[in-house]
PDB file of N, CA and C in Angstrom:
ATOM      1  N   MET A   1      14.275  95.324  53.288  1.00  0.00           N
ATOM      2  CA  MET A   1      14.674  96.535  54.143  1.00  0.00           C
ATOM      3  C   MET A   1      13.671  97.894  53.870  1.00  0.00           C
ATOM      4  N   SER A   2      13.271  98.435  54.778  1.00  0.00           N
ATOM      5  CA  SER A   2      12.433  99.469  54.623  1.00  0.00           C
ATOM      6  C   SER A   2      13.682 100.538  54.972  1.00  0.00           C
ATOM      7  N   ILE A   3      13.226 101.805  54.671  1.00  0.00           N
ATOM      8  CA  ILE A   3      13.720 103.003  54.828  1.00  0.00           C
ATOM      9  C   ILE A   3      13.947 103.428  56.396  1.00  0.00           C
ATOM     10  N   ASP A   4      12.988 103.092  56.986  1.00  0.00           N
ATOM     11  CA  ASP A   4      12.879 103.223  58.550  1.00  0.00           C
ATOM     12  C   ASP A   4      14.281 102.372  59.126  1.00  0.00           C
ATOM     13  N   GLN A   5      14.155 101.154  58.665  1.00  0.00           N
ATOM     14  CA  GLN A   5      15.515 100.278  59.269  1.00  0.00           C
ATOM     15  C   GLN A   5      16.646 100.702  58.709  1.00  0.00           C
ATOM     16  N   ALA A   6      16.890 101.397  57.491  1.00  0.00           N
ATOM     17  CA  ALA A   6      18.037 101.616  57.079  1.00  0.00           C
ATOM     18  C   ALA A   6      18.241 103.082  57.650  1.00  0.00           C
ATOM     19  N   VAL A   7      17.736 103.703  58.058  1.00  0.00           N
ATOM     20  CA  VAL A   7      18.022 104.906  58.627  1.00  0.00           C
ATOM     21  C   VAL A   7      18.366 104.519  60.070  1.00  0.00           C
ATOM     22  N   GLN A   8      17.662 103.553  60.728  1.00  0.00           N
ATOM     23  CA  GLN A   8      18.174 103.305  62.138  1.00  0.00           C
ATOM     24  C   GLN A   8      19.778 102.663  61.843  1.00  0.00           C
ATOM     25  N   ILE A   9      19.849 101.612  60.988  1.00  0.00           N
ATOM     26  CA  ILE A   9      21.115 101.152  60.989  1.00  0.00           C
ATOM     27  C   ILE A   9      22.173 102.151  60.573  1.00  0.00           C
ATOM     28  N   PHE A  10      22.295 103.233  59.777  1.00  0.00           N
ATOM     29  CA  PHE A  10      22.959 104.256  59.097  1.00  0.00           C
ATOM     30  C   PHE A  10      23.449 104.911  60.513  1.00  0.00           C
ATOM     31  N   ALA A  11      22.115 105.514  60.953  1.00  0.00           N
ATOM     32  CA  ALA A  11      22.426 106.230  62.534  1.00  0.00           C
ATOM     33  C   ALA A  11      23.284 105.442  63.502  1.00  0.00           C
ATOM     34  N   GLY A  12      23.199 104.387  63.845  1.00  0.00           N
ATOM     35  CA  GLY A  12      23.831 103.603  64.759  1.00  0.00           C
ATOM     36  C   GLY A  12      25.022 103.181  64.170  1.00  0.00           C
ATOM     37  N   PHE A  13      25.672 102.894  62.722  1.00  0.00           N
ATOM     38  CA  PHE A  13      26.617 102.761  62.178  1.00  0.00           C
ATOM     39  C   PHE A  13      27.593 104.230  62.412  1.00  0.00           C
ATOM     40  N   MET A  14      27.014 105.339  61.981  1.00  0.00           N
ATOM     41  CA  MET A  14      27.808 106.589  61.965  1.00  0.00           C
ATOM     42  C   MET A  14      27.895 107.024  63.611  1.00  0.00           C
ATOM     43  N   ILE A  15      27.329 106.563  64.437  1.00  0.00           N
ATOM     44  CA  ILE A  15      27.554 106.737  66.027  1.00  0.00           C
ATOM     45  C   ILE A  15      28.793 105.882  66.448  1.00  0.00           C
ATOM     46  N   LEU A  16      28.849 104.588  66.059  1.00  0.00           N
ATOM     47  CA  LEU A  16      30.052 103.805  66.362  1.00  0.00           C
ATOM     48  C   LEU A  16      31.292 104.151  65.556  1.00  0.00           C
ATOM     49  N   VAL A  17      31.140 104.545  64.548  1.00  0.00           N
ATOM     50  CA  VAL A  17      32.320 105.229  63.691  1.00  0.00           C
ATOM     51  C   VAL A  17      32.724 106.379  64.500  1.00  0.00           C
ATOM     52  N   SER A  18      31.769 107.274  64.780  1.00  0.00           N
ATOM     53  CA  SER A  18      32.294 108.615  65.465  1.00  0.00           C
ATOM     54  C   SER A  18      33.171 108.624  67.010  1.00  0.00           C
ATOM     55  N   LEU A  19      32.610 107.394  67.463  1.00  0.00           N
ATOM     56  CA  LEU A  19      33.036 107.103  68.825  1.00  0.00           C
ATOM     57  C   LEU A  19      34.505 106.342  68.679  1.00  0.00           C
ATOM     58  N   VAL A  20      34.634 105.467  67.659  1.00  0.00           N
ATOM     59  CA  VAL A  20      36.053 104.860  67.504  1.00  0.00           C
ATOM     60  C   VAL A  20      37.061 105.812  66.982  1.00  0.00           C
ATOM     61  N   LEU A  21      36.336 106.888  65.946  1.00  0.00           N
ATOM     62  CA  LEU A  21      37.320 107.938  65.433  1.00  0.00           C
ATOM     63  C   LEU A  21      37.776 108.888  66.806  1.00  0.00           C
ATOM     64  N   ALA A  22      36.666 109.201  67.717  1.00  0.00           N
ATOM     65  CA  ALA A  22      37.048 110.107  68.723  1.00  0.00           C
ATOM     66  C   ALA A  22      38.191 109.415  69.702  1.00  0.00           C
ATOM     67  N   TYR A  23      38.294 107.950  69.868  1.00  0.00           N
ATOM     68  CA  TYR A  23      38.806 107.186  70.648  1.00  0.00           C
ATOM     69  C   TYR A  23      40.336 107.413  70.252  1.00  0.00           C
ATOM     70  N   TYR A  24      40.534 106.755  68.867  1.00  0.00           N
ATOM     71  CA  TYR A  24      41.829 106.882  68.243  1.00  0.00           C
ATOM     72  C   TYR A  24      42.350 108.020  67.709  1.00  0.00           C
ATOM     73  N   VAL A  25      41.853 109.000  67.196  1.00  0.00           N
ATOM     74  CA  VAL A  25      41.867 110.133  66.288  1.00  0.00           C
ATOM     75  C   VAL A  25      42.100 111.395  67.272  1.00  0.00           C
ATOM     76  N   SER A  26      40.500 111.859  67.495  1.00  0.00           N
ATOM     77  CA  SER A  26      40.598 113.231  68.234  1.00  0.00           C
ATOM     78  C   SER A  26      39.193 113.532  68.988  1.00  0.00           C
ATOM     79  N   ASN A  27      39.120 113.750  69.888  1.00  0.00           N
ATOM     80  CA  ASN A  27      37.835 113.902  70.482  1.00  0.00           C
ATOM     81  C   ASN A  27      36.754 114.809  69.825  1.00  0.00           C
ATOM     82  N   TRP A  28      37.496 115.651  69.029  1.00  0.00           N
ATOM     83  CA  TRP A  28      36.213 116.349  68.271  1.00  0.00           C
ATOM     84  C   TRP A  28      35.442 115.627  67.230  1.00  0.00           C
ATOM     85  N   TRP A  29      35.549 113.991  67.006  1.00  0.00           N
ATOM     86  CA  TRP A  29      34.845 113.456  66.391  1.00  0.00           C
ATOM     87  C   TRP A  29      33.456 112.930  67.199  1.00  0.00           C
ATOM     88  N   VAL A  30      33.523 113.370  68.444  1.00  0.00           N
ATOM     89  CA  VAL A  30      32.346 113.343  69.273  1.00  0.00           C
ATOM     90  C   VAL A  30      31.297 114.133  68.740  1.00  0.00           C
ATOM     91  N   LEU A  31      31.591 115.162  68.062  1.00  0.00           N
ATOM     92  CA  LEU A  31      30.727 116.153  67.458  1.00  0.00           C
ATOM     93  C   LEU A  31      29.770 115.393  66.162  1.00  0.00           C
ATOM     94  N   LEU A  32      30.444 114.508  65.940  1.00  0.00           N
ATOM     95  CA  LEU A  32      29.569 114.179  64.708  1.00  0.00           C
ATOM     96  C   LEU A  32      28.523 112.969  65.437  1.00  0.00           C
ATOM     97  N   THR A  33      28.734 112.700  66.425  1.00  0.00           N
ATOM     98  CA  THR A  33      27.625 111.789  67.238  1.00  0.00           C
ATOM     99  C   THR A  33      26.696 112.898  67.745  1.00  0.00           C
ATOM    100  N   ILE A  34      26.944 114.128  68.297  1.00  0.00           N
ATOM    101  CA  ILE A  34      26.078 115.071  68.355  1.00  0.00           C
ATOM    102  C   ILE A  34      25.070 115.323  67.278  1.00  0.00           C
ATOM    103  N   VAL A  35      25.765 115.508  65.965  1.00  0.00           N
ATOM    104  CA  VAL A  35      24.927 115.723  64.935  1.00  0.00           C
ATOM    105  C   VAL A  35      23.857 114.744  64.615  1.00  0.00           C
ATOM    106  N   VAL A  36      24.397 113.427  64.584  1.00  0.00           N
ATOM    107  CA  VAL A  36      23.638 112.564  64.447  1.00  0.00           C
ATOM    108  C   VAL A  36      22.306 112.507  65.220  1.00  0.00           C
ATOM    109  N   ALA A  37      22.494 112.635  66.617  1.00  0.00           N
ATOM    110  CA  ALA A  37      21.684 112.429  67.557  1.00  0.00           C
ATOM    111  C   ALA A  37      20.754 113.654  67.403  1.00  0.00           C
ATOM    112  N   LEU A  38      21.191 114.960  67.482  1.00  0.00           N
ATOM    113  CA  LEU A  38      20.267 115.988  66.897  1.00  0.00           C
ATOM    114  C   LEU A  38      19.421 115.831  65.715  1.00  0.00           C
ATOM    115  N   ASN A  39      20.058 115.113  64.608  1.00  0.00           N
ATOM    116  CA  ASN A  39      18.981 114.848  63.184  1.00  0.00           C
ATOM    117  C   ASN A  39      18.071 113.866  63.997  1.00  0.00           C
ATOM    118  N   LEU A  40      18.251 112.845  64.667  1.00  0.00           N
ATOM    119  CA  LEU A  40      17.390 111.663  65.117  1.00  0.00           C
ATOM    120  C   LEU A  40      16.120 112.509  65.650  1.00  0.00           C
ATOM    121  N   ILE A  41      16.545 113.422  66.697  1.00  0.00           N
ATOM    122  CA  ILE A  41      15.580 114.093  67.364  1.00  0.00           C
ATOM    123  C   ILE A  41      14.703 115.074  66.516  1.00  0.00           C
ATOM    124  N   GLN A  42      15.210 115.551  65.526  1.00  0.00           N
ATOM    125  CA  GLN A  42      14.331 116.726  64.585  1.00  0.00           C
ATOM    126  C   GLN A  42      13.785 115.793  63.805  1.00  0.00           C
ATOM    127  N   SER A  43      13.995 114.727  63.093  1.00  0.00           N
ATOM    128  CA  SER A  43      13.238 113.933  62.137  1.00  0.00           C
ATOM    129  C   SER A  43      12.276 113.176  62.925  1.00  0.00           C
ATOM    130  N   ALA A  44      12.410 112.951  64.104  1.00  0.00           N
ATOM    131  CA  ALA A  44      11.201 112.525  65.003  1.00  0.00           C
ATOM    132  C   ALA A  44      10.031 113.490  64.949  1.00  0.00           C
ATOM    133  N   PHE A  45      10.089 114.548  65.172  1.00  0.00           N
ATOM    134  CA  PHE A  45       9.242 115.749  64.979  1.00  0.00           C
ATOM    135  C   PHE A  45       8.761 115.988  63.884  1.00  0.00           C
ATOM    136  N   THR A  46       9.745 116.151  62.627  1.00  0.00           N
ATOM    137  CA  THR A  46       9.193 116.824  61.512  1.00  0.00           C
ATOM    138  C   THR A  46       8.978 115.489  60.256  1.00  0.00           C
ATOM    139  N   GLY A  47       9.913 114.310  60.722  1.00  0.00           N
ATOM    140  CA  GLY A  47       9.426 113.572  59.784  1.00  0.00           C
ATOM    141  C   GLY A  47      10.209 113.618  58.343  1.00  0.00           C
ATOM    142  N   ILE A  48      11.129 114.513  58.586  1.00  0.00           N
ATOM    143  CA  ILE A  48      12.107 114.839  57.362  1.00  0.00           C
ATOM    144  C   ILE A  48      13.367 114.322  57.866  1.00  0.00           C
ATOM    145  N   CYS A  49      14.208 113.452  57.134  1.00  0.00           N
ATOM    146  CA  CYS A  49      15.563 113.175  57.274  1.00  0.00           C
ATOM    147  C   CYS A  49      16.441 113.212  56.030  1.00  0.00           C
ATOM    148  N   PRO A  50      17.349 113.571  55.886  1.00  0.00           N
ATOM    149  CA  PRO A  50      18.392 113.472  54.544  1.00  0.00           C
ATOM    150  C   PRO A  50      18.617 112.181  54.218  1.00  0.00           C
ATOM    151  N   ALA A  51      19.095 111.339  55.303  1.00  0.00           N
ATOM    152  CA  ALA A  51      19.194 110.202  55.119  1.00  0.00           C
ATOM    153  C   ALA A  51      18.243 109.209  54.142  1.00  0.00           C
ATOM    154  N   ALA A  52      16.780 109.384  54.863  1.00  0.00           N
ATOM    155  CA  ALA A  52      15.844 108.906  54.198  1.00  0.00           C
ATOM    156  C   ALA A  52      15.565 109.047  52.694  1.00  0.00           C
ATOM    157  N   ALA A  53      15.807 110.388  52.318  1.00  0.00           N
ATOM    158  CA  ALA A  53      15.646 110.675  51.109  1.00  0.00           C
ATOM    159  C   ALA A  53      16.477 110.350  50.116  1.00  0.00           C
ATOM    160  N   VAL A  54      17.797 109.804  50.649  1.00  0.00           N
ATOM    161  CA  VAL A  54      18.928 109.392  50.090  1.00  0.00           C
ATOM    162  C   VAL A  54      18.387 107.700  49.776  1.00  0.00           C
ATOM    163  N   PHE A  55      18.154 107.149  50.823  1.00  0.00           N
ATOM    164  CA  PHE A  55      17.520 105.554  50.773  1.00  0.00           C
ATOM    165  C   PHE A  55      16.291 105.545  49.716  1.00  0.00           C
ATOM    166  N   LYS A  56      15.299 106.597  49.875  1.00  0.00           N
ATOM    167  CA  LYS A  56      14.236 106.469  49.001  1.00  0.00           C
ATOM    168  C   LYS A  56      14.730 106.269  47.427  1.00  0.00           C
ATOM    169  N   ARG A  57      15.607 107.357  47.102  1.00  0.00           N
ATOM    170  CA  ARG A  57      16.165 107.482  45.562  1.00  0.00           C
ATOM    171  C   ARG A  57      16.765 106.146  45.432  1.00  0.00           C
ATOM    172  N   LEU A  58      17.513 105.487  46.481  1.00  0.00           N
ATOM    173  CA  LEU A  58      18.079 104.213  45.948  1.00  0.00           C
ATOM    174  C   LEU A  58      17.099 103.246  45.901  1.00  0.00           C
ATOM    175  N   GLY A  59      15.697 103.506  45.957  1.00  0.00           N
ATOM    176  CA  GLY A  59      14.797 102.350  46.071  1.00  0.00           C
ATOM    177  C   GLY A  59      14.345 101.586  46.798  1.00  0.00           C
ATOM    178  N   LEU A  60      14.700 102.070  48.157  1.00  0.00           N
ATOM    179  CA  LEU A  60      14.231 101.054  49.281  1.00  0.00           C
ATOM    180  C   LEU A  60      12.787 101.483  49.546  1.00  0.00           C
ATOM    181  N   LYS A  61      11.952 100.402  50.360  1.00  0.00           N
ATOM    182  CA  LYS A  61      10.569 100.674  50.181  1.00  0.00           C
ATOM    183  C   LYS A  61      10.216 101.465  51.532  1.00  0.00           C
ATOM    184  N   THR A  62       9.175 102.194  51.639  1.00  0.00           N
ATOM    185  CA  THR A  62       8.598 102.951  52.471  1.00  0.00           C
ATOM    186  C   THR A  62       8.576 102.496  53.692  1.00  0.00           C
ATOM    187  N   GLY A  63       8.464 102.910  54.954  1.00  0.00           N
ATOM    188  CA  GLY A  63       8.156 102.135  56.120  1.00  0.00           C
ATOM    189  C   GLY A  63       7.133 102.997  56.670  1.00  0.00           C
ATOM    190  N   ALA A  64       6.908 103.009  58.075  1.00  0.00           N
ATOM    191  CA  ALA A  64       5.741 103.726  58.686  1.00  0.00           C
ATOM    192  C   ALA A  64       6.337 104.968  58.884  1.00  0.00           C
ATOM    193  N   VAL A  65       7.176 105.177  59.152  1.00  0.00           N
ATOM    194  CA  VAL A  65       7.805 106.622  59.499  1.00  0.00           C
ATOM    195  C   VAL A  65       8.102 107.597  58.287  1.00  0.00           C
ATOM    196  N   PHE A  66       9.168 107.055  57.477  1.00  0.00           N
ATOM    197  CA  PHE A  66       9.395 107.572  56.293  1.00  0.00           C
ATOM    198  C   PHE A  66       8.557 107.099  54.944  1.00  0.00           C
ATOM    199  N   ARG A  67       8.073 107.939  54.148  1.00  0.00           N
ATOM    200  CA  ARG A  67       7.379 107.772  53.260  1.00  0.00           C
ATOM    201  C   ARG A  67       7.956 108.483  51.874  1.00  0.00           C
TER     202      ARG A  67
END
């Protein structure tokens, strides 16, 4: 698995978790969905993603986007 795939899986998982929490706990959890979306947009323009840095330290191979 590459860093690119791991970031996409992690972002999708976080969005699903935040939506479940928003439904069952509090609507404020939708803010987590917004933060994840903004981070994805920001990383598309800059190529910098905090999750990618963590996955790189964990030893995942580089992908086409995150090196």
